[in-house]
């Protein structure tokens, strides 16, 4: 994760993550990519304020469940062919930010089998919930 995401705005958050979640997806804009699934590696970071993610009773209902992230990925992938990784990342980000407890999120997607001379090609997107800006989260002196 880039240090750029470690802003004061997120200091009061817990970061939940899903690492290297590999799924077979019908994705690609080129003709040779269509008609057969490709391996895509998905990474997600969710930023959830500590005030709504610190369990008192050690109960799953008190936190954001990792199954939520996997279900968001499964649901989006199940809708059919996706032309661009940017579309996939943006769709996942939008849905993850819709969760009432998620303040910010980062999503990256990688296709590891595109070129033989590199590990992967991919995209990454970061966003705050609508109506929330990084500046609004930084405590101001009185």
Protein backbone atom coordinates (compact mmCIF):
# COMPACT_ATOMS: atom_id res chain seq x y z
CA UNK A 1 0.00 0.00 0.00
CA UNK A 2 1.27 3.44 -0.88
CA UNK A 3 2.16 5.85 1.93
CA UNK A 4 -0.06 8.38 0.14
CA UNK A 5 -3.05 6.62 1.67
CA UNK A 6 -1.76 7.00 5.23
CA UNK A 7 -3.23 10.47 5.65
CA UNK A 8 -4.34 12.06 8.92
CA UNK A 9 -7.88 11.73 7.61
CA UNK A 10 -7.64 7.97 7.95
CA UNK A 11 -5.78 7.87 11.26
CA UNK A 12 -9.01 7.22 13.16
CA UNK A 13 -9.90 4.25 10.96
CA UNK A 14 -9.28 0.55 10.99
CA UNK A 15 -8.01 -0.82 7.67
CA UNK A 16 -9.55 -4.12 6.61
CA UNK A 17 -8.06 -5.85 3.61
CA UNK A 18 -8.53 -8.63 1.11
CA UNK A 19 -5.22 -9.65 -0.48
CA UNK A 20 -4.61 -11.37 -3.79
CA UNK A 21 -8.14 -12.65 -4.25
CA UNK A 22 -7.86 -14.51 -7.56
CA UNK A 23 -10.96 -14.92 -9.72
CA UNK A 24 -11.54 -15.98 -13.30
CA UNK A 25 -13.30 -13.13 -15.10
CA UNK A 26 -14.60 -12.53 -18.59
CA UNK A 27 -12.64 -9.33 -19.12
CA UNK A 28 -10.85 -7.59 -21.95
CA UNK A 29 -11.38 -5.12 -24.75
CA UNK A 30 -9.44 -7.03 -27.40
CA UNK A 31 -11.07 -9.69 -29.57
CA UNK A 32 -8.58 -12.36 -28.44
CA UNK A 33 -9.61 -11.74 -24.80
CA UNK A 34 -13.29 -12.35 -25.36
CA UNK A 35 -14.98 -15.70 -24.98
CA UNK A 36 -12.73 -17.13 -22.30
CA UNK A 37 -12.08 -16.08 -18.70
CA UNK A 38 -8.82 -14.53 -17.57
CA UNK A 39 -7.23 -14.70 -14.17
CA UNK A 40 -7.58 -11.42 -12.26
CA UNK A 41 -6.03 -10.65 -8.88
CA UNK A 42 -8.06 -8.25 -6.73
CA UNK A 43 -6.85 -6.35 -3.67
CA UNK A 44 -9.11 -4.26 -1.46
CA UNK A 45 -8.52 -1.98 1.52
CA UNK A 46 -11.51 -0.69 3.45
CA UNK A 47 -11.20 2.17 5.93
CA UNK A 48 -13.77 1.93 8.70
CA UNK A 49 -13.88 4.47 11.56
CA UNK A 50 -12.77 2.94 14.84
CA UNK A 51 -15.95 4.18 16.50
CA UNK A 52 -17.98 1.77 14.38
CA UNK A 53 -15.51 -1.09 14.06
CA UNK A 54 -14.22 -1.70 17.57
CA UNK A 55 -16.09 -4.69 18.97
CA UNK A 56 -17.37 -4.61 22.51
CA UNK A 57 -18.94 -8.06 22.61
CA UNK A 58 -16.52 -9.88 20.27
CA UNK A 59 -19.39 -10.30 17.81
CA UNK A 60 -19.18 -10.35 14.01
CA UNK A 61 -22.16 -7.98 13.80
CA UNK A 62 -19.98 -5.24 15.32
CA UNK A 63 -17.57 -5.07 12.37
CA UNK A 64 -17.53 -5.14 8.57
CA UNK A 65 -17.45 -8.82 7.59
CA UNK A 66 -14.81 -9.92 5.04
CA UNK A 67 -17.54 -11.95 3.34
CA UNK A 68 -19.08 -8.62 2.30
CA UNK A 69 -16.02 -7.81 0.18
CA UNK A 70 -15.94 -11.25 -1.45
CA UNK A 71 -19.67 -11.02 -2.19
CA UNK A 72 -19.25 -7.60 -3.85
CA UNK A 73 -16.59 -9.10 -6.13
CA UNK A 74 -18.66 -12.22 -6.86
CA UNK A 75 -21.77 -10.19 -7.68
CA UNK A 76 -19.97 -7.83 -10.07
CA UNK A 77 -18.14 -10.61 -11.87
CA UNK A 78 -21.36 -12.59 -12.29
CA UNK A 79 -22.94 -9.80 -14.39
CA UNK A 80 -21.00 -10.76 -17.50
CA UNK A 81 -18.17 -9.51 -19.68
CA UNK A 82 -16.26 -6.43 -18.57
CA UNK A 83 -14.22 -4.55 -21.17
CA UNK A 84 -11.80 -2.69 -18.90
CA UNK A 85 -10.09 -3.20 -15.57
CA UNK A 86 -10.89 0.45 -14.85
CA UNK A 87 -14.60 -0.36 -15.10
CA UNK A 88 -14.23 -3.32 -12.74
CA UNK A 89 -12.23 -1.32 -10.18
CA UNK A 90 -14.64 1.64 -10.32
CA UNK A 91 -17.70 -0.59 -9.94
CA UNK A 92 -16.18 -2.42 -6.97
CA UNK A 93 -15.14 0.86 -5.33
CA UNK A 94 -18.61 2.39 -5.74
CA UNK A 95 -20.32 -0.66 -4.19
CA UNK A 96 -17.84 -0.96 -1.32
CA UNK A 97 -18.25 2.74 -0.46
CA UNK A 98 -22.03 2.25 -0.31
CA UNK A 99 -21.62 0.17 2.87
CA UNK A 100 -22.76 2.37 5.77
CA UNK A 101 -19.61 1.77 7.84
CA UNK A 102 -17.01 2.21 5.07
CA UNK A 103 -15.49 5.69 4.95
CA UNK A 104 -12.88 5.11 2.24
CA UNK A 105 -11.64 2.28 0.07
CA UNK A 106 -8.85 1.30 -2.27
CA UNK A 107 -9.30 -1.31 -5.01
CA UNK A 108 -6.69 -2.70 -7.36
CA UNK A 109 -7.07 -5.25 -10.12
CA UNK A 110 -4.26 -7.07 -11.91
CA UNK A 111 -4.15 -9.38 -14.90
CA UNK A 112 -1.07 -11.56 -14.34
CA UNK A 113 -1.16 -13.47 -17.62
CA UNK A 114 -1.18 -10.67 -20.21
CA UNK A 115 2.53 -10.21 -20.99
CA UNK A 116 5.29 -12.78 -20.55
CA UNK A 117 7.86 -10.13 -19.61
CA UNK A 118 6.10 -8.62 -16.57
CA UNK A 119 4.35 -9.87 -13.45
CA UNK A 120 1.02 -8.15 -14.09
CA UNK A 121 -0.81 -5.19 -15.59
CA UNK A 122 -3.49 -3.43 -13.63
CA UNK A 123 -5.17 -0.41 -12.16
CA UNK A 124 -5.81 1.03 -8.73
CA UNK A 125 -8.45 3.46 -7.51
CA UNK A 126 -9.00 5.13 -4.15
CA UNK A 127 -12.02 7.05 -2.94
CA UNK A 128 -13.93 8.49 -0.03
CA UNK A 129 -17.63 8.03 0.58
CA UNK A 130 -19.71 10.66 -1.26
CA UNK A 131 -19.87 13.91 0.62
CA UNK A 132 -16.71 13.20 2.61
CA UNK A 133 -13.39 14.78 1.76
CA UNK A 134 -9.99 14.17 3.28
CA UNK A 135 -9.92 17.79 4.48
CA UNK A 136 -13.21 17.36 6.36
CA UNK A 137 -11.75 14.49 8.38
CA UNK A 138 -8.67 16.28 9.68
CA UNK A 139 -9.25 17.73 13.16
CA UNK A 140 -9.01 21.53 13.16
CA UNK A 141 -7.60 23.52 16.10
CA UNK A 142 -10.27 25.47 18.00
